[in-house]
Amino acid sequence: MTGSARRLRSENVLAALADLLVTRGPLAKIRSDHGTEFVANFVQQWLAKIGVKTLYLTPGSPWVNGYFESFNGSMRHERLNGEIFCTLDEARILIEGWRKH
């Protein structure tokens, strides 16, 4: 898998949002983190054109999603900090085993 296969590009975000709008109807606002996909000018302009307001989560705020933040902290401490992965497939297999455990 190449590095580009792991990235979410603004075009992919727009395609997913367009599908969502067709399926669920218009959105008043969308909340996201400060990921580059949602900060991208192209996405911001598109959302503004269709009248969708953007709200951003405060970076590093565990109160936003405590379960997710706890999971990320545990995974980093228990798995990622103690391993050197030689391939992406190896990482996926070991991480999935840790997650299931």
C-alpha atoms as a PDB file:
ATOM      1  CA  MET A   1       0.000   0.000   0.000  1.00  0.00           C
ATOM      2  CA  THR A   2       1.386   3.397  -0.903  1.00  0.00           C
ATOM      3  CA  GLY A   3       1.375   6.473   1.308  1.00  0.00           C
ATOM      4  CA  SER A   4      -1.295   8.043  -0.884  1.00  0.00           C
ATOM      5  CA  ALA A   5      -3.622   5.086  -0.217  1.00  0.00           C
ATOM      6  CA  ARG A   6      -3.625   6.006   3.472  1.00  0.00           C
ATOM      7  CA  ARG A   7      -4.529   9.656   2.896  1.00  0.00           C
ATOM      8  CA  LEU A   8      -7.975  11.127   2.710  1.00  0.00           C
ATOM      9  CA  ARG A   9      -7.937  13.809   0.037  1.00  0.00           C
ATOM     10  CA  SER A  10     -10.353  16.741  -0.111  1.00  0.00           C
ATOM     11  CA  GLU A  11     -11.906  15.264  -3.268  1.00  0.00           C
ATOM     12  CA  ASN A  12     -12.729  12.089  -1.321  1.00  0.00           C
ATOM     13  CA  VAL A  13     -14.250  14.149   1.477  1.00  0.00           C
ATOM     14  CA  LEU A  14     -16.418  16.072  -0.986  1.00  0.00           C
ATOM     15  CA  ALA A  15     -17.585  12.866  -2.674  1.00  0.00           C
ATOM     16  CA  ALA A  16     -18.546  11.366   0.700  1.00  0.00           C
ATOM     17  CA  LEU A  17     -20.330  14.565   1.763  1.00  0.00           C
ATOM     18  CA  ALA A  18     -22.204  14.747  -1.551  1.00  0.00           C
ATOM     19  CA  ASP A  19     -23.359  11.135  -1.096  1.00  0.00           C
ATOM     20  CA  LEU A  20     -24.451  11.953   2.437  1.00  0.00           C
ATOM     21  CA  LEU A  21     -26.458  14.965   1.276  1.00  0.00           C
ATOM     22  CA  VAL A  22     -28.205  12.899  -1.389  1.00  0.00           C
ATOM     23  CA  THR A  23     -29.015  10.157   1.120  1.00  0.00           C
ATOM     24  CA  ARG A  24     -29.869  12.205   4.215  1.00  0.00           C
ATOM     25  CA  GLY A  25     -30.815  15.632   2.875  1.00  0.00           C
ATOM     26  CA  PRO A  26     -29.333  19.042   3.612  1.00  0.00           C
ATOM     27  CA  LEU A  27     -27.061  19.636   6.597  1.00  0.00           C
ATOM     28  CA  ALA A  28     -27.148  22.782   8.727  1.00  0.00           C
ATOM     29  CA  LYS A  29     -23.621  22.237  10.008  1.00  0.00           C
ATOM     30  CA  ILE A  30     -20.822  19.724  10.085  1.00  0.00           C
ATOM     31  CA  ARG A  31     -18.499  19.143  13.030  1.00  0.00           C
ATOM     32  CA  SER A  32     -14.998  17.823  12.485  1.00  0.00           C
ATOM     33  CA  ASP A  33     -11.498  17.948  13.815  1.00  0.00           C
ATOM     34  CA  HIS A  34      -8.863  20.183  12.271  1.00  0.00           C
ATOM     35  CA  GLY A  35      -7.744  17.488   9.838  1.00  0.00           C
ATOM     36  CA  THR A  36      -6.340  18.795   6.600  1.00  0.00           C
ATOM     37  CA  GLU A  37      -9.295  17.385   4.662  1.00  0.00           C
ATOM     38  CA  PHE A  38     -11.710  19.683   6.467  1.00  0.00           C
ATOM     39  CA  VAL A  39      -9.435  22.698   6.650  1.00  0.00           C
ATOM     40  CA  ALA A  40      -8.714  22.526   2.920  1.00  0.00           C
ATOM     41  CA  ASN A  41      -9.880  25.680   1.169  1.00  0.00           C
ATOM     42  CA  PHE A  42     -11.616  23.628  -1.504  1.00  0.00           C
ATOM     43  CA  VAL A  43     -13.816  21.849   1.061  1.00  0.00           C
ATOM     44  CA  GLN A  44     -14.485  25.098   2.951  1.00  0.00           C
ATOM     45  CA  GLN A  45     -15.592  26.857  -0.250  1.00  0.00           C
ATOM     46  CA  TRP A  46     -17.818  23.960  -1.289  1.00  0.00           C
ATOM     47  CA  LEU A  47     -19.509  23.788   2.118  1.00  0.00           C
ATOM     48  CA  ALA A  48     -20.046  27.566   2.132  1.00  0.00           C
ATOM     49  CA  LYS A  49     -21.627  27.435  -1.350  1.00  0.00           C
ATOM     50  CA  ILE A  50     -24.220  24.914  -0.212  1.00  0.00           C
ATOM     51  CA  GLY A  51     -24.848  26.739   3.077  1.00  0.00           C
ATOM     52  CA  VAL A  52     -23.303  24.253   5.502  1.00  0.00           C
ATOM     53  CA  LYS A  53     -21.612  25.812   8.534  1.00  0.00           C
ATOM     54  CA  THR A  54     -18.435  24.234   9.885  1.00  0.00           C
ATOM     55  CA  LEU A  55     -17.739  23.662  13.565  1.00  0.00           C
ATOM     56  CA  TYR A  56     -14.384  22.384  14.740  1.00  0.00           C
ATOM     57  CA  LEU A  57     -13.512  20.260  17.738  1.00  0.00           C
ATOM     58  CA  THR A  58     -10.863  21.599  20.053  1.00  0.00           C
ATOM     59  CA  PRO A  59      -7.696  19.590  19.382  1.00  0.00           C
ATOM     60  CA  GLY A  60      -6.750  17.205  22.183  1.00  0.00           C
ATOM     61  CA  SER A  61      -9.959  17.641  24.159  1.00  0.00           C
ATOM     62  CA  PRO A  62     -10.837  14.271  25.664  1.00  0.00           C
ATOM     63  CA  TRP A  63     -14.299  15.491  26.647  1.00  0.00           C
ATOM     64  CA  VAL A  64     -15.208  15.553  22.959  1.00  0.00           C
ATOM     65  CA  ASN A  65     -15.068  11.758  22.766  1.00  0.00           C
ATOM     66  CA  GLY A  66     -13.619  10.269  25.919  1.00  0.00           C
ATOM     67  CA  TYR A  67     -13.893   6.652  24.754  1.00  0.00           C
ATOM     68  CA  PHE A  68     -11.983   7.372  21.566  1.00  0.00           C
ATOM     69  CA  GLU A  69      -9.318   9.398  23.346  1.00  0.00           C
ATOM     70  CA  SER A  70      -8.918   6.657  25.962  1.00  0.00           C
ATOM     71  CA  PHE A  71      -8.608   4.010  23.250  1.00  0.00           C
ATOM     72  CA  ASN A  72      -5.989   6.058  21.388  1.00  0.00           C
ATOM     73  CA  GLY A  73      -3.965   6.609  24.560  1.00  0.00           C
ATOM     74  CA  SER A  74      -4.058   2.931  25.504  1.00  0.00           C
ATOM     75  CA  MET A  75      -3.185   1.820  22.008  1.00  0.00           C
ATOM     76  CA  ARG A  76      -0.228   4.191  21.807  1.00  0.00           C
ATOM     77  CA  HIS A  77       1.047   3.178  25.252  1.00  0.00           C
ATOM     78  CA  GLU A  78       0.430  -0.581  25.060  1.00  0.00           C
ATOM     79  CA  ARG A  79       1.063  -1.345  21.398  1.00  0.00           C
ATOM     80  CA  LEU A  80       2.590   1.388  19.251  1.00  0.00           C
ATOM     81  CA  ASN A  81       5.326   2.587  21.617  1.00  0.00           C
ATOM     82  CA  GLY A  82       6.581  -0.962  22.135  1.00  0.00           C
ATOM     83  CA  GLU A  83       6.706  -2.184  18.540  1.00  0.00           C
ATOM     84  CA  ILE A  84       8.631  -1.579  15.373  1.00  0.00           C
ATOM     85  CA  PHE A  85       6.502  -2.562  12.405  1.00  0.00           C
ATOM     86  CA  CYS A  86       8.345  -3.630   9.263  1.00  0.00           C
ATOM     87  CA  THR A  87       5.305  -3.474   7.002  1.00  0.00           C
ATOM     88  CA  LEU A  88       1.853  -1.951   7.043  1.00  0.00           C
ATOM     89  CA  ASP A  89       0.318  -5.439   6.881  1.00  0.00           C
ATOM     90  CA  GLU A  90       2.284  -6.493   9.972  1.00  0.00           C
ATOM     91  CA  ALA A  91       1.047  -3.408  11.797  1.00  0.00           C
ATOM     92  CA  ARG A  92      -2.558  -4.112  10.819  1.00  0.00           C
ATOM     93  CA  ILE A  93      -2.405  -7.717  11.998  1.00  0.00           C
ATOM     94  CA  LEU A  94      -0.737  -6.941  15.343  1.00  0.00           C
ATOM     95  CA  ILE A  95      -2.943  -3.942  16.058  1.00  0.00           C
ATOM     96  CA  GLU A  96      -6.109  -5.891  15.240  1.00  0.00           C
ATOM     97  CA  GLY A  97      -4.996  -8.668  17.587  1.00  0.00           C
ATOM     98  CA  TRP A  98      -4.407  -6.091  20.327  1.00  0.00           C
ATOM     99  CA  ARG A  99      -7.784  -4.472  19.668  1.00  0.00           C
ATOM    100  CA  LYS A 100      -9.623  -7.800  19.903  1.00  0.00           C
ATOM    101  CA  HIS A 101      -7.756  -8.709  23.113  1.00  0.00           C
END
